């Protein structure tokens, strides 16, 4: 299994606005932060790492985490 960038990423997980200067004027700059898919994968990774056997590779754990994230995004569409 490989990380497929064509998957639905769920959109931004934590969109916000930052403040800064643009051409000498104070302005707001929208930022998206990480995608919801990345957030879900990171949350899944916590449980996977905690419960993983010692001989499991980081690549395998990462693939599993994104697989779980994809399933979570699919489940969101069902409800």
PDB file of N, CA and C in Angstrom:
ATOM      1  N   UNK A   1       0.845  -1.169   0.000  1.00  0.00           N
ATOM      2  CA  UNK A   1       0.000   0.000   0.000  1.00  0.00           C
ATOM      3  C   UNK A   1       0.894   1.237   0.000  1.00  0.00           C
ATOM      4  N   UNK A   2       0.559   2.240  -0.793  1.00  0.00           N
ATOM      5  CA  UNK A   2       1.341   3.464  -0.844  1.00  0.00           C
ATOM      6  C   UNK A   2       0.461   4.659  -0.553  1.00  0.00           C
ATOM      7  N   UNK A   3       1.079   5.733  -0.120  1.00  0.00           N
ATOM      8  CA  UNK A   3       0.363   6.973   0.153  1.00  0.00           C
ATOM      9  C   UNK A   3      -0.127   7.552  -1.170  1.00  0.00           C
ATOM     10  N   UNK A   4      -1.431   7.657  -1.326  1.00  0.00           N
ATOM     11  CA  UNK A   4      -2.037   8.129  -2.569  1.00  0.00           C
ATOM     12  C   UNK A   4      -2.490   9.565  -2.393  1.00  0.00           C
ATOM     13  N   UNK A   5      -1.810  10.492  -3.049  1.00  0.00           N
ATOM     14  CA  UNK A   5      -2.147  11.904  -2.896  1.00  0.00           C
ATOM     15  C   UNK A   5      -3.439  12.272  -3.602  1.00  0.00           C
ATOM     16  N   UNK A   6      -4.008  11.334  -4.381  1.00  0.00           N
ATOM     17  CA  UNK A   6      -5.271  11.595  -5.060  1.00  0.00           C
ATOM     18  C   UNK A   6      -6.467  11.358  -4.140  1.00  0.00           C
ATOM     19  N   UNK A   7      -6.236  10.792  -2.963  1.00  0.00           N
ATOM     20  CA  UNK A   7      -7.323  10.545  -2.024  1.00  0.00           C
ATOM     21  C   UNK A   7      -7.942  11.852  -1.559  1.00  0.00           C
ATOM     22  N   UNK A   8      -9.201  11.770  -1.178  1.00  0.00           N
ATOM     23  CA  UNK A   8      -9.874  12.908  -0.579  1.00  0.00           C
ATOM     24  C   UNK A   8      -9.125  13.269   0.698  1.00  0.00           C
ATOM     25  N   UNK A   9      -8.675  14.513   0.806  1.00  0.00           N
ATOM     26  CA  UNK A   9      -7.915  14.895   1.999  1.00  0.00           C
ATOM     27  C   UNK A   9      -8.800  15.491   3.090  1.00  0.00           C
ATOM     28  N   UNK A  10     -10.103  15.617   2.844  1.00  0.00           N
ATOM     29  CA  UNK A  10     -11.018  16.119   3.862  1.00  0.00           C
ATOM     30  C   UNK A  10     -10.998  17.624   4.027  1.00  0.00           C
ATOM     31  N   UNK A  11     -10.148  18.302   3.284  1.00  0.00           N
ATOM     32  CA  UNK A  11     -10.038  19.752   3.426  1.00  0.00           C
ATOM     33  C   UNK A  11      -9.166  20.119   4.608  1.00  0.00           C
ATOM     34  N   UNK A  12      -9.071  21.404   4.901  1.00  0.00           N
ATOM     35  CA  UNK A  12      -8.214  21.841   5.999  1.00  0.00           C
ATOM     36  C   UNK A  12      -8.766  21.419   7.355  1.00  0.00           C
ATOM     37  N   UNK A  13      -7.872  20.962   8.232  1.00  0.00           N
ATOM     38  CA  UNK A  13      -8.283  20.549   9.572  1.00  0.00           C
ATOM     39  C   UNK A  13      -8.426  21.749  10.509  1.00  0.00           C
ATOM     40  N   UNK A  14      -7.554  22.712  10.365  1.00  0.00           N
ATOM     41  CA  UNK A  14      -7.546  23.859  11.274  1.00  0.00           C
ATOM     42  C   UNK A  14      -7.340  25.170  10.517  1.00  0.00           C
ATOM     43  N   UNK A  15      -8.278  25.521   9.634  1.00  0.00           N
ATOM     44  CA  UNK A  15      -8.095  26.778   8.905  1.00  0.00           C
ATOM     45  C   UNK A  15      -8.156  27.960   9.872  1.00  0.00           C
ATOM     46  N   UNK A  16      -7.375  28.958   9.585  1.00  0.00           N
ATOM     47  CA  UNK A  16      -7.375  30.151  10.423  1.00  0.00           C
ATOM     48  C   UNK A  16      -6.814  31.318   9.619  1.00  0.00           C
ATOM     49  N   UNK A  17      -6.816  32.460  10.210  1.00  0.00           N
ATOM     50  CA  UNK A  17      -6.217  33.636   9.587  1.00  0.00           C
ATOM     51  C   UNK A  17      -5.054  34.100  10.438  1.00  0.00           C
ATOM     52  N   UNK A  18      -3.996  34.474   9.773  1.00  0.00           N
ATOM     53  CA  UNK A  18      -2.871  35.083  10.464  1.00  0.00           C
ATOM     54  C   UNK A  18      -2.803  36.545  10.036  1.00  0.00           C
ATOM     55  N   UNK A  19      -2.133  37.330  10.806  1.00  0.00           N
ATOM     56  CA  UNK A  19      -2.022  38.755  10.509  1.00  0.00           C
ATOM     57  C   UNK A  19      -0.587  39.081  10.146  1.00  0.00           C
ATOM     58  N   UNK A  20      -0.441  39.927   9.158  1.00  0.00           N
ATOM     59  CA  UNK A  20       0.890  40.312   8.734  1.00  0.00           C
ATOM     60  C   UNK A  20       0.842  41.527   7.839  1.00  0.00           C
ATOM     61  N   UNK A  21       1.971  41.882   7.310  1.00  0.00           N
ATOM     62  CA  UNK A  21       2.072  43.030   6.422  1.00  0.00           C
ATOM     63  C   UNK A  21       2.166  42.560   4.978  1.00  0.00           C
ATOM     64  N   UNK A  22       1.431  43.227   4.109  1.00  0.00           N
ATOM     65  CA  UNK A  22       1.490  42.967   2.678  1.00  0.00           C
ATOM     66  C   UNK A  22       1.565  44.320   1.994  1.00  0.00           C
ATOM     67  N   UNK A  23       2.655  44.569   1.303  1.00  0.00           N
ATOM     68  CA  UNK A  23       2.902  45.875   0.676  1.00  0.00           C
ATOM     69  C   UNK A  23       2.793  47.019   1.691  1.00  0.00           C
ATOM     70  N   UNK A  24       3.309  46.757   2.888  1.00  0.00           N
ATOM     71  CA  UNK A  24       3.343  47.787   3.917  1.00  0.00           C
ATOM     72  C   UNK A  24       2.039  47.994   4.657  1.00  0.00           C
ATOM     73  N   UNK A  25       1.000  47.241   4.337  1.00  0.00           N
ATOM     74  CA  UNK A  25      -0.291  47.380   5.009  1.00  0.00           C
ATOM     75  C   UNK A  25      -0.610  46.113   5.783  1.00  0.00           C
ATOM     76  N   UNK A  26      -1.191  46.322   6.981  1.00  0.00           N
ATOM     77  CA  UNK A  26      -1.594  45.178   7.786  1.00  0.00           C
ATOM     78  C   UNK A  26      -2.768  44.485   7.108  1.00  0.00           C
ATOM     79  N   UNK A  27      -2.681  43.165   7.044  1.00  0.00           N
ATOM     80  CA  UNK A  27      -3.716  42.397   6.362  1.00  0.00           C
ATOM     81  C   UNK A  27      -3.873  41.035   7.018  1.00  0.00           C
ATOM     82  N   UNK A  28      -4.965  40.363   6.726  1.00  0.00           N
ATOM     83  CA  UNK A  28      -5.133  38.991   7.190  1.00  0.00           C
ATOM     84  C   UNK A  28      -4.762  38.044   6.052  1.00  0.00           C
ATOM     85  N   UNK A  29      -4.149  36.961   6.422  1.00  0.00           N
ATOM     86  CA  UNK A  29      -3.700  35.982   5.446  1.00  0.00           C
ATOM     87  C   UNK A  29      -4.323  34.640   5.828  1.00  0.00           C
ATOM     88  N   UNK A  30      -5.218  34.101   4.985  1.00  0.00           N
ATOM     89  CA  UNK A  30      -5.812  32.806   5.321  1.00  0.00           C
ATOM     90  C   UNK A  30      -4.780  31.686   5.204  1.00  0.00           C
ATOM     91  N   UNK A  31      -4.782  30.790   6.159  1.00  0.00           N
ATOM     92  CA  UNK A  31      -3.911  29.622   6.115  1.00  0.00           C
ATOM     93  C   UNK A  31      -4.751  28.379   6.387  1.00  0.00           C
ATOM     94  N   UNK A  32      -4.414  27.302   5.727  1.00  0.00           N
ATOM     95  CA  UNK A  32      -5.180  26.072   5.879  1.00  0.00           C
ATOM     96  C   UNK A  32      -4.617  25.128   6.922  1.00  0.00           C
ATOM     97  N   UNK A  33      -3.337  25.187   7.177  1.00  0.00           N
ATOM     98  CA  UNK A  33      -2.750  24.215   8.084  1.00  0.00           C
ATOM     99  C   UNK A  33      -2.758  22.835   7.460  1.00  0.00           C
ATOM    100  N   UNK A  34      -2.753  21.813   8.284  1.00  0.00           N
ATOM    101  CA  UNK A  34      -2.741  20.442   7.768  1.00  0.00           C
ATOM    102  C   UNK A  34      -4.127  20.039   7.274  1.00  0.00           C
ATOM    103  N   UNK A  35      -4.154  18.996   6.464  1.00  0.00           N
ATOM    104  CA  UNK A  35      -5.443  18.488   5.989  1.00  0.00           C
ATOM    105  C   UNK A  35      -6.075  17.623   7.075  1.00  0.00           C
ATOM    106  N   UNK A  36      -7.371  17.437   6.952  1.00  0.00           N
ATOM    107  CA  UNK A  36      -8.072  16.570   7.887  1.00  0.00           C
ATOM    108  C   UNK A  36      -7.550  15.136   7.778  1.00  0.00           C
ATOM    109  N   UNK A  37      -7.181  14.720   6.572  1.00  0.00           N
ATOM    110  CA  UNK A  37      -6.621  13.378   6.371  1.00  0.00           C
ATOM    111  C   UNK A  37      -5.326  13.217   7.168  1.00  0.00           C
ATOM    112  N   UNK A  38      -4.465  14.226   7.118  1.00  0.00           N
ATOM    113  CA  UNK A  38      -3.222  14.160   7.889  1.00  0.00           C
ATOM    114  C   UNK A  38      -3.500  14.150   9.395  1.00  0.00           C
ATOM    115  N   UNK A  39      -4.477  14.916   9.828  1.00  0.00           N
ATOM    116  CA  UNK A  39      -4.841  14.950  11.245  1.00  0.00           C
ATOM    117  C   UNK A  39      -5.339  13.576  11.693  1.00  0.00           C
ATOM    118  N   UNK A  40      -6.251  12.988  10.903  1.00  0.00           N
ATOM    119  CA  UNK A  40      -6.757  11.656  11.239  1.00  0.00           C
ATOM    120  C   UNK A  40      -5.614  10.637  11.276  1.00  0.00           C
ATOM    121  N   UNK A  41      -4.714  10.697  10.300  1.00  0.00           N
ATOM    122  CA  UNK A  41      -3.596   9.751  10.256  1.00  0.00           C
ATOM    123  C   UNK A  41      -2.703   9.912  11.485  1.00  0.00           C
ATOM    124  N   UNK A  42      -2.464  11.133  11.883  1.00  0.00           N
ATOM    125  CA  UNK A  42      -1.648  11.375  13.072  1.00  0.00           C
ATOM    126  C   UNK A  42      -2.291  10.827  14.330  1.00  0.00           C
ATOM    127  N   UNK A  43      -3.606  10.986  14.435  1.00  0.00           N
ATOM    128  CA  UNK A  43      -4.324  10.458  15.594  1.00  0.00           C
ATOM    129  C   UNK A  43      -4.296   8.933  15.592  1.00  0.00           C
ATOM    130  N   UNK A  44      -4.486   8.336  14.416  1.00  0.00           N
ATOM    131  CA  UNK A  44      -4.431   6.876  14.304  1.00  0.00           C
ATOM    132  C   UNK A  44      -3.030   6.369  14.653  1.00  0.00           C
ATOM    133  N   UNK A  45      -2.018   7.115  14.253  1.00  0.00           N
ATOM    134  CA  UNK A  45      -0.632   6.708  14.494  1.00  0.00           C
ATOM    135  C   UNK A  45      -0.357   6.553  15.991  1.00  0.00           C
ATOM    136  N   UNK A  46      -0.966   7.369  16.808  1.00  0.00           N
ATOM    137  CA  UNK A  46      -0.752   7.274  18.262  1.00  0.00           C
ATOM    138  C   UNK A  46      -1.088   5.876  18.774  1.00  0.00           C
ATOM    139  N   UNK A  47      -2.253   5.388  18.395  1.00  0.00           N
ATOM    140  CA  UNK A  47      -2.657   4.055  18.834  1.00  0.00           C
ATOM    141  C   UNK A  47      -1.829   2.960  18.201  1.00  0.00           C
ATOM    142  N   UNK A  48      -1.498   3.135  16.924  1.00  0.00           N
ATOM    143  CA  UNK A  48      -0.706   2.121  16.238  1.00  0.00           C
ATOM    144  C   UNK A  48       0.674   1.971  16.864  1.00  0.00           C
ATOM    145  N   UNK A  49       1.339   3.061  17.127  1.00  0.00           N
ATOM    146  CA  UNK A  49       2.686   3.021  17.700  1.00  0.00           C
ATOM    147  C   UNK A  49       2.650   2.420  19.103  1.00  0.00           C
ATOM    148  N   UNK A  50       1.664   2.800  19.874  1.00  0.00           N
ATOM    149  CA  UNK A  50       1.554   2.309  21.248  1.00  0.00           C
ATOM    150  C   UNK A  50       1.364   0.798  21.287  1.00  0.00           C
ATOM    151  N   UNK A  51       0.608   0.269  20.319  1.00  0.00           N
ATOM    152  CA  UNK A  51       0.258  -1.151  20.326  1.00  0.00           C
ATOM    153  C   UNK A  51       1.052  -2.008  19.343  1.00  0.00           C
ATOM    154  N   UNK A  52       1.980  -1.417  18.612  1.00  0.00           N
ATOM    155  CA  UNK A  52       2.694  -2.145  17.558  1.00  0.00           C
ATOM    156  C   UNK A  52       3.759  -3.079  18.121  1.00  0.00           C
ATOM    157  N   UNK A  53       3.912  -4.237  17.492  1.00  0.00           N
ATOM    158  CA  UNK A  53       5.042  -5.099  17.851  1.00  0.00           C
ATOM    159  C   UNK A  53       6.356  -4.397  17.507  1.00  0.00           C
ATOM    160  N   UNK A  54       7.408  -4.780  18.156  1.00  0.00           N
ATOM    161  CA  UNK A  54       8.706  -4.129  17.986  1.00  0.00           C
ATOM    162  C   UNK A  54       9.226  -4.222  16.553  1.00  0.00           C
ATOM    163  N   UNK A  55       8.917  -5.304  15.848  1.00  0.00           N
ATOM    164  CA  UNK A  55       9.492  -5.516  14.524  1.00  0.00           C
ATOM    165  C   UNK A  55       8.715  -4.855  13.377  1.00  0.00           C
ATOM    166  N   UNK A  56       7.683  -4.090  13.658  1.00  0.00           N
ATOM    167  CA  UNK A  56       6.916  -3.410  12.603  1.00  0.00           C
ATOM    168  C   UNK A  56       7.659  -2.149  12.182  1.00  0.00           C
ATOM    169  N   UNK A  57       7.759  -1.932  10.875  1.00  0.00           N
ATOM    170  CA  UNK A  57       8.512  -0.778  10.373  1.00  0.00           C
ATOM    171  C   UNK A  57       7.676   0.497  10.438  1.00  0.00           C
ATOM    172  N   UNK A  58       8.371   1.609  10.454  1.00  0.00           N
ATOM    173  CA  UNK A  58       7.700   2.911  10.430  1.00  0.00           C
ATOM    174  C   UNK A  58       6.872   3.073   9.165  1.00  0.00           C
ATOM    175  N   UNK A  59       7.381   2.564   8.050  1.00  0.00           N
ATOM    176  CA  UNK A  59       6.643   2.660   6.778  1.00  0.00           C
ATOM    177  C   UNK A  59       5.316   1.913   6.870  1.00  0.00           C
ATOM    178  N   UNK A  60       5.338   0.742   7.469  1.00  0.00           N
ATOM    179  CA  UNK A  60       4.106  -0.034   7.624  1.00  0.00           C
ATOM    180  C   UNK A  60       3.122   0.691   8.526  1.00  0.00           C
ATOM    181  N   UNK A  61       3.615   1.236   9.616  1.00  0.00           N
ATOM    182  CA  UNK A  61       2.741   1.982  10.525  1.00  0.00           C
ATOM    183  C   UNK A  61       2.130   3.202   9.824  1.00  0.00           C
ATOM    184  N   UNK A  62       2.938   3.893   9.034  1.00  0.00           N
ATOM    185  CA  UNK A  62       2.448   5.069   8.323  1.00  0.00           C
ATOM    186  C   UNK A  62       1.375   4.697   7.311  1.00  0.00           C
ATOM    187  N   UNK A  63       1.599   3.609   6.572  1.00  0.00           N
ATOM    188  CA  UNK A  63       0.602   3.155   5.601  1.00  0.00           C
ATOM    189  C   UNK A  63      -0.702   2.778   6.294  1.00  0.00           C
ATOM    190  N   UNK A  64      -0.596   2.110   7.430  1.00  0.00           N
ATOM    191  CA  UNK A  64      -1.791   1.742   8.197  1.00  0.00           C
ATOM    192  C   UNK A  64      -2.518   2.986   8.694  1.00  0.00           C
ATOM    193  N   UNK A  65      -1.767   3.967   9.165  1.00  0.00           N
ATOM    194  CA  UNK A  65      -2.382   5.194   9.680  1.00  0.00           C
ATOM    195  C   UNK A  65      -3.165   5.912   8.588  1.00  0.00           C
ATOM    196  N   UNK A  66      -2.603   5.993   7.386  1.00  0.00           N
ATOM    197  CA  UNK A  66      -3.318   6.650   6.283  1.00  0.00           C
ATOM    198  C   UNK A  66      -4.496   5.815   5.799  1.00  0.00           C
ATOM    199  N   UNK A  67      -4.388   4.507   5.891  1.00  0.00           N
ATOM    200  CA  UNK A  67      -5.517   3.648   5.547  1.00  0.00           C
ATOM    201  C   UNK A  67      -6.683   3.902   6.510  1.00  0.00           C
ATOM    202  N   UNK A  68      -6.365   4.015   7.788  1.00  0.00           N
ATOM    203  CA  UNK A  68      -7.389   4.329   8.789  1.00  0.00           C
ATOM    204  C   UNK A  68      -7.971   5.713   8.522  1.00  0.00           C
ATOM    205  N   UNK A  69      -7.122   6.681   8.214  1.00  0.00           N
ATOM    206  CA  UNK A  69      -7.593   8.038   7.925  1.00  0.00           C
ATOM    207  C   UNK A  69      -8.540   8.042   6.725  1.00  0.00           C
ATOM    208  N   UNK A  70      -8.198   7.294   5.687  1.00  0.00           N
ATOM    209  CA  UNK A  70      -9.067   7.217   4.512  1.00  0.00           C
ATOM    210  C   UNK A  70     -10.413   6.602   4.868  1.00  0.00           C
ATOM    211  N   UNK A  71     -10.398   5.582   5.727  1.00  0.00           N
ATOM    212  CA  UNK A  71     -11.649   4.960   6.167  1.00  0.00           C
ATOM    213  C   UNK A  71     -12.485   5.942   6.985  1.00  0.00           C
ATOM    214  N   UNK A  72     -11.836   6.743   7.799  1.00  0.00           N
ATOM    215  CA  UNK A  72     -12.560   7.739   8.599  1.00  0.00           C
ATOM    216  C   UNK A  72     -13.201   8.789   7.701  1.00  0.00           C
ATOM    217  N   UNK A  73     -12.475   9.227   6.675  1.00  0.00           N
ATOM    218  CA  UNK A  73     -13.045  10.205   5.743  1.00  0.00           C
ATOM    219  C   UNK A  73     -14.220   9.607   4.985  1.00  0.00           C
ATOM    220  N   UNK A  74     -14.107   8.350   4.588  1.00  0.00           N
ATOM    221  CA  UNK A  74     -15.205   7.677   3.895  1.00  0.00           C
ATOM    222  C   UNK A  74     -16.424   7.554   4.805  1.00  0.00           C
ATOM    223  N   UNK A  75     -16.197   7.230   6.066  1.00  0.00           N
ATOM    224  CA  UNK A  75     -17.297   7.095   7.019  1.00  0.00           C
ATOM    225  C   UNK A  75     -18.009   8.429   7.247  1.00  0.00           C
ATOM    226  N   UNK A  76     -17.261   9.520   7.209  1.00  0.00           N
ATOM    227  CA  UNK A  76     -17.871  10.855   7.365  1.00  0.00           C
ATOM    228  C   UNK A  76     -18.879  11.125   6.264  1.00  0.00           C
ATOM    229  N   UNK A  77     -18.592  10.626   5.065  1.00  0.00           N
ATOM    230  CA  UNK A  77     -19.491  10.850   3.936  1.00  0.00           C
ATOM    231  C   UNK A  77     -20.778  10.055   4.068  1.00  0.00           C
ATOM    232  N   UNK A  78     -20.756   8.985   4.861  1.00  0.00           N
ATOM    233  CA  UNK A  78     -21.928   8.141   5.055  1.00  0.00           C
ATOM    234  C   UNK A  78     -22.932   8.756   6.025  1.00  0.00           C
ATOM    235  N   UNK A  79     -22.487   9.707   6.824  1.00  0.00           N
ATOM    236  CA  UNK A  79     -23.368  10.269   7.862  1.00  0.00           C
ATOM    237  C   UNK A  79     -23.694  11.705   7.606  1.00  0.00           C
TER     238      UNK A  79
END
